[in-house]
Protein backbone atom coordinates (compact mmCIF):
# COMPACT_ATOMS: atom_id res chain seq x y z
CA UNK A 1 -0.02 -0.01 0.01
CA UNK A 2 1.16 3.51 -0.79
CA UNK A 3 1.08 6.14 1.96
CA UNK A 4 -1.79 8.59 1.68
CA UNK A 5 0.53 11.39 0.44
CA UNK A 6 1.94 9.15 -2.25
CA UNK A 7 -1.53 8.04 -3.35
CA UNK A 8 -2.57 11.72 -3.63
CA UNK A 9 0.47 12.55 -5.72
CA UNK A 10 -0.12 9.54 -8.04
CA UNK A 11 -3.76 10.65 -8.44
CA UNK A 12 -2.70 14.20 -9.33
CA UNK A 13 -0.21 12.93 -11.91
CA UNK A 14 -2.81 10.64 -13.46
CA UNK A 15 -5.29 13.50 -13.63
CA UNK A 16 -2.68 15.77 -15.22
CA UNK A 17 -1.89 13.12 -17.83
CA UNK A 18 -5.59 12.67 -18.56
CA UNK A 19 -6.20 16.35 -19.09
CA UNK A 20 -2.90 17.20 -20.77
CA UNK A 21 -3.18 19.33 -23.87
CA UNK A 22 -2.94 17.49 -27.20
CA UNK A 23 -0.26 18.52 -29.72
CA UNK A 24 -3.05 20.31 -31.71
CA UNK A 25 -4.21 22.26 -28.63
CA UNK A 26 -0.59 23.15 -27.78
CA UNK A 27 0.00 24.41 -31.33
CA UNK A 28 -3.14 26.60 -31.31
CA UNK A 29 -2.29 27.99 -27.89
CA UNK A 30 1.21 28.90 -29.07
CA UNK A 31 -0.23 30.49 -32.21
CA UNK A 32 -2.55 32.63 -30.13
CA UNK A 33 0.29 33.77 -27.80
CA UNK A 34 2.37 34.77 -30.81
CA UNK A 35 -0.57 36.55 -32.41
CA UNK A 36 -1.27 38.72 -29.38
CA UNK A 37 2.46 39.35 -28.87
CA UNK A 38 2.72 40.72 -32.38
CA UNK A 39 -0.33 42.90 -31.89
CA UNK A 40 0.97 44.44 -28.67
CA UNK A 41 4.62 44.76 -29.74
CA UNK A 42 6.38 48.05 -30.41
CA UNK A 43 5.34 48.91 -33.96
CA UNK A 44 2.39 46.48 -33.86
CA UNK A 45 -1.06 47.32 -35.10
CA UNK A 46 -2.19 48.60 -31.70
CA UNK A 47 0.35 51.42 -32.01
CA UNK A 48 -1.32 52.78 -35.17
CA UNK A 49 -3.11 55.80 -33.73
CA UNK A 50 -3.32 58.41 -36.50
CA UNK A 51 -3.76 58.85 -40.24
CA UNK A 52 -3.41 62.19 -41.97
CA UNK A 53 -4.31 62.89 -45.56
CA UNK A 54 -1.95 65.15 -47.47
CA UNK A 55 -3.18 68.01 -49.62
CA UNK A 56 -1.32 69.31 -52.61
CA UNK A 57 1.60 71.56 -51.61
CA UNK A 58 3.13 71.90 -48.17
CA UNK A 59 1.76 70.04 -45.15
CA UNK A 60 3.48 71.23 -41.91
CA UNK A 61 3.73 68.81 -39.04
CA UNK A 62 4.72 68.99 -35.41
CA UNK A 63 3.35 69.23 -31.86
CA UNK A 64 2.18 72.89 -32.20
CA UNK A 65 -1.57 73.36 -32.86
CA UNK A 66 -0.84 75.60 -35.81
CA UNK A 67 0.46 72.71 -37.94
CA UNK A 68 -1.54 71.00 -40.69
CA UNK A 69 -0.65 67.69 -38.99
CA UNK A 70 -0.60 67.97 -35.17
CA UNK A 71 1.41 65.26 -33.45
CA UNK A 72 1.40 64.17 -29.82
CA UNK A 73 5.18 64.16 -29.54
CA UNK A 74 8.30 65.72 -31.07
CA UNK A 75 9.26 69.38 -31.72
CA UNK A 76 6.56 72.04 -31.95
CA UNK A 77 7.46 72.54 -35.66
CA UNK A 78 9.15 69.37 -36.83
CA UNK A 79 9.04 69.84 -40.59
CA UNK A 80 6.85 69.58 -43.61
CA UNK A 81 5.65 67.11 -46.24
CA UNK A 82 5.26 68.47 -49.77
CA UNK A 83 2.97 66.74 -52.25
CA UNK A 84 3.74 67.91 -55.82
CA UNK A 85 3.47 66.19 -59.18
CA UNK A 86 2.33 62.98 -57.52
CA UNK A 87 5.49 62.72 -55.38
CA UNK A 88 6.06 63.39 -51.71
CA UNK A 89 9.14 64.90 -50.10
CA UNK A 90 9.86 65.65 -46.47
CA UNK A 91 11.92 68.50 -45.04
CA UNK A 92 13.37 68.27 -41.53
CA UNK A 93 16.20 70.20 -39.95
CA UNK A 94 16.89 71.97 -43.31
CA UNK A 95 17.27 68.73 -45.30
CA UNK A 96 14.79 67.75 -47.99
CA UNK A 97 14.52 64.17 -49.28
CA UNK A 98 12.09 61.88 -51.03
CA UNK A 99 9.49 60.18 -48.87
CA UNK A 100 8.51 56.87 -50.54
CA UNK A 101 5.29 54.96 -49.79
CA UNK A 102 5.75 52.01 -47.37
CA UNK A 103 9.52 51.88 -47.94
CA UNK A 104 10.49 54.91 -45.79
CA UNK A 105 9.86 55.57 -42.12
CA UNK A 106 10.31 58.89 -40.37
CA UNK A 107 11.02 59.23 -36.63
CA UNK A 108 9.64 62.29 -34.80
CA UNK A 109 10.15 61.96 -31.07
CA UNK A 110 8.69 58.62 -29.99
CA UNK A 111 6.57 58.49 -33.15
CA UNK A 112 7.07 56.63 -36.42
CA UNK A 113 5.58 58.07 -39.61
CA UNK A 114 5.03 56.16 -42.86
CA UNK A 115 3.49 57.12 -46.23
CA UNK A 116 0.71 55.18 -47.93
CA UNK A 117 -1.20 55.66 -51.17
CA UNK A 118 -0.69 56.37 -54.83
CA UNK A 119 -2.00 58.43 -57.76
CA UNK A 120 -2.12 61.65 -55.74
CA UNK A 121 -4.08 60.22 -52.78
CA UNK A 122 -1.49 59.97 -50.03
CA UNK A 123 -1.80 59.66 -46.26
CA UNK A 124 0.71 59.60 -43.44
CA UNK A 125 0.25 56.82 -40.87
CA UNK A 126 1.39 57.41 -37.34
CA UNK A 127 2.55 54.75 -34.83
CA UNK A 128 2.77 55.74 -31.20
CA UNK A 129 4.05 53.22 -28.67
CA UNK A 130 2.06 55.11 -25.98
CA UNK A 131 -1.24 55.05 -27.92
CA UNK A 132 -4.48 54.68 -26.00
CA UNK A 133 -5.41 51.73 -28.30
CA UNK A 134 -2.39 49.78 -27.17
CA UNK A 135 -2.82 50.77 -23.54
CA UNK A 136 -6.48 49.69 -23.45
CA UNK A 137 -6.03 46.40 -25.21
CA UNK A 138 -7.91 43.70 -23.30
CA UNK A 139 -7.05 40.54 -25.19
CA UNK A 140 -8.83 38.54 -27.91
CA UNK A 141 -11.79 36.23 -27.43
CA UNK A 142 -11.65 32.94 -29.31
CA UNK A 143 -13.84 30.03 -30.20
CA UNK A 144 -12.65 26.72 -28.62
CA UNK A 145 -9.93 25.07 -30.69
CA UNK A 146 -11.51 22.23 -32.70
CA UNK A 147 -9.63 19.88 -35.04
CA UNK A 148 -12.62 19.45 -37.41
CA UNK A 149 -12.02 23.06 -38.51
CA UNK A 150 -8.56 22.12 -39.84
CA UNK A 151 -9.03 20.69 -43.30
CA UNK A 152 -6.89 19.92 -46.35
CA UNK A 153 -8.04 21.34 -49.66
CA UNK A 154 -6.79 21.40 -53.26
CA UNK A 155 -5.55 24.48 -55.00
CA UNK A 156 -6.88 25.00 -58.51
CA UNK A 157 -4.88 27.45 -60.71
CA UNK A 158 -7.15 30.05 -62.25
CA UNK A 159 -5.39 33.48 -62.36
CA UNK A 160 -7.74 36.44 -62.15
CA UNK A 161 -8.19 39.82 -60.48
CA UNK A 162 -10.45 40.03 -57.38
CA UNK A 163 -11.05 43.38 -55.68
CA UNK A 164 -8.09 44.91 -57.55
CA UNK A 165 -5.75 42.17 -56.23
CA UNK A 166 -4.07 39.29 -58.01
CA UNK A 167 -5.80 35.99 -57.31
CA UNK A 168 -3.85 32.95 -58.63
CA UNK A 169 -6.78 30.54 -58.33
CA UNK A 170 -9.09 29.01 -55.71
CA UNK A 171 -9.06 26.31 -53.06
CA UNK A 172 -11.69 23.58 -52.95
CA UNK A 173 -12.31 21.80 -49.66
CA UNK A 174 -14.95 19.88 -47.65
CA UNK A 175 -16.14 21.22 -44.33
CA UNK A 176 -19.21 20.64 -42.20
CA UNK A 177 -20.72 18.36 -44.83
CA UNK A 178 -20.37 20.92 -47.62
CA UNK A 179 -18.11 21.19 -50.66
CA UNK A 180 -16.78 24.79 -50.56
CA UNK A 181 -14.24 27.00 -52.24
CA UNK A 182 -12.33 30.17 -51.34
CA UNK A 183 -10.30 32.58 -53.42
CA UNK A 184 -6.98 33.84 -51.96
CA UNK A 185 -5.20 37.00 -53.01
CA UNK A 186 -1.50 37.85 -53.30
CA UNK A 187 -0.42 40.79 -51.25
CA UNK A 188 3.01 40.78 -52.95
CA UNK A 189 4.16 39.34 -56.35
CA UNK A 190 5.21 35.68 -56.18
CA UNK A 191 4.14 35.39 -52.54
CA UNK A 192 4.21 31.87 -51.10
CA UNK A 193 1.76 32.70 -48.32
CA UNK A 194 -1.61 33.87 -49.64
CA UNK A 195 -4.40 35.77 -47.88
CA UNK A 196 -8.04 34.67 -47.79
CA UNK A 197 -10.55 37.33 -46.73
CA UNK A 198 -13.84 35.64 -45.93
CA UNK A 199 -17.21 36.08 -44.23
CA UNK A 200 -19.74 33.52 -42.95
CA UNK A 201 -23.00 33.63 -41.00
CA UNK A 202 -21.17 34.56 -37.78
CA UNK A 203 -19.88 37.78 -39.45
CA UNK A 204 -21.26 40.88 -37.76
CA UNK A 205 -22.68 38.83 -34.93
CA UNK A 206 -20.07 36.84 -33.06
CA UNK A 207 -17.19 37.81 -35.40
CA UNK A 208 -15.96 41.07 -36.84
CA UNK A 209 -18.35 42.73 -39.25
CA UNK A 210 -15.68 43.30 -41.89
CA UNK A 211 -14.90 39.59 -42.20
CA UNK A 212 -11.80 37.70 -41.08
CA UNK A 213 -8.44 36.78 -42.54
CA UNK A 214 -6.87 33.37 -43.04
CA UNK A 215 -3.28 32.72 -44.26
CA UNK A 216 -2.51 29.65 -46.43
CA UNK A 217 0.68 28.24 -47.89
CA UNK A 218 0.81 26.63 -51.28
CA UNK A 219 2.62 23.33 -51.68
CA UNK A 220 4.13 21.97 -54.94
CA UNK A 221 1.52 19.21 -54.94
CA UNK A 222 -1.30 21.76 -54.73
CA UNK A 223 -2.51 20.60 -51.27
CA UNK A 224 -3.55 23.43 -49.03
CA UNK A 225 -4.16 23.30 -45.24
CA UNK A 226 -6.96 25.59 -44.10
CA UNK A 227 -7.00 25.88 -40.33
CA UNK A 228 -9.87 28.11 -39.38
CA UNK A 229 -8.75 27.90 -35.78
CA UNK A 230 -6.20 30.49 -36.99
CA UNK A 231 -8.73 32.77 -38.66
CA UNK A 232 -8.00 36.27 -37.34
CA UNK A 233 -9.35 39.76 -37.22
CA UNK A 234 -8.02 42.30 -39.72
CA UNK A 235 -6.08 45.31 -38.35
CA UNK A 236 -9.11 47.58 -38.73
CA UNK A 237 -10.88 45.57 -36.03
CA UNK A 238 -8.37 47.03 -33.60
CA UNK A 239 -7.66 50.52 -34.88
CA UNK A 240 -9.79 52.88 -37.04
CA UNK A 241 -6.66 54.37 -38.67
CA UNK A 242 -6.09 51.64 -41.24
CA UNK A 243 -8.07 50.36 -44.27
CA UNK A 244 -8.64 46.63 -44.83
CA UNK A 245 -9.89 44.63 -47.81
CA UNK A 246 -13.46 43.36 -47.53
CA UNK A 247 -14.45 39.78 -48.40
CA UNK A 248 -15.29 39.48 -52.10
CA UNK A 249 -18.62 37.92 -53.01
CA UNK A 250 -16.79 34.69 -53.94
CA UNK A 251 -15.67 34.28 -50.30
CA UNK A 252 -19.05 34.37 -48.59
CA UNK A 253 -19.30 30.95 -46.99
CA UNK A 254 -22.76 29.50 -46.34
CA UNK A 255 -21.66 27.61 -43.17
CA UNK A 256 -20.91 29.03 -39.75
CA UNK A 257 -17.17 29.09 -39.00
CA UNK A 258 -17.19 28.72 -35.23
CA UNK A 259 -13.43 28.80 -34.97
CA UNK A 260 -10.70 31.40 -34.65
CA UNK A 261 -11.06 34.90 -33.35
CA UNK A 262 -14.28 36.47 -32.25
CA UNK A 263 -15.31 40.09 -32.47
CA UNK A 264 -13.06 42.62 -30.75
CA UNK A 265 -14.62 45.76 -29.23
CA UNK A 266 -12.57 48.94 -29.31
């Protein structure tokens, strides 16, 4: 006979083994931790706290209220952006240089400024590590992880344009008793990881009204794993200062996808 203390320890170990997380649950938990870490990191989406549209000509920026773009940090009069002939330059401390969309980042105090847009419609996006959005973040609510929402589909090449984005084809798969298909888009030329923007009957109710995102990787054999447990909210669910693609009509699923991230209130 084991002493009472030993019996209690054995019982506890047996119970722990019984309820230990499966490899699938461990993977999803790790994915969720990494997801929230990226959101809350310096430079993450939660730091995006301002967007300023440029007008033709000079756009002065700085902390002083007299500027066209008033910033929460940095010098009172930090410099100016100039939009002319569909190009943007920035002048700071007497030096003028080109300011290229996405490629360039400007530091003003604790802030990071980047340029977005084309064809004359340009905006400056501000990231602030001390943003209220980041400070008030309260975590993401998820559906329970369920293996039946991880399925393998087949990629069918059929290049086309969807919502002004390159779509190399579609993925056919079987889920919840239905044969379904989704159309991914390429955010960059020759991308190996494609983005699916979809909606389903949970959209606008339990999940974000603008739809959800799902990343997929193409394999040489054409097999594609769709793990809806990793369906996630677009950046615009967390900050109003970004624009996100909406689900095209081809990606409106008729079945409820009760997996992945739920609606986030901000």
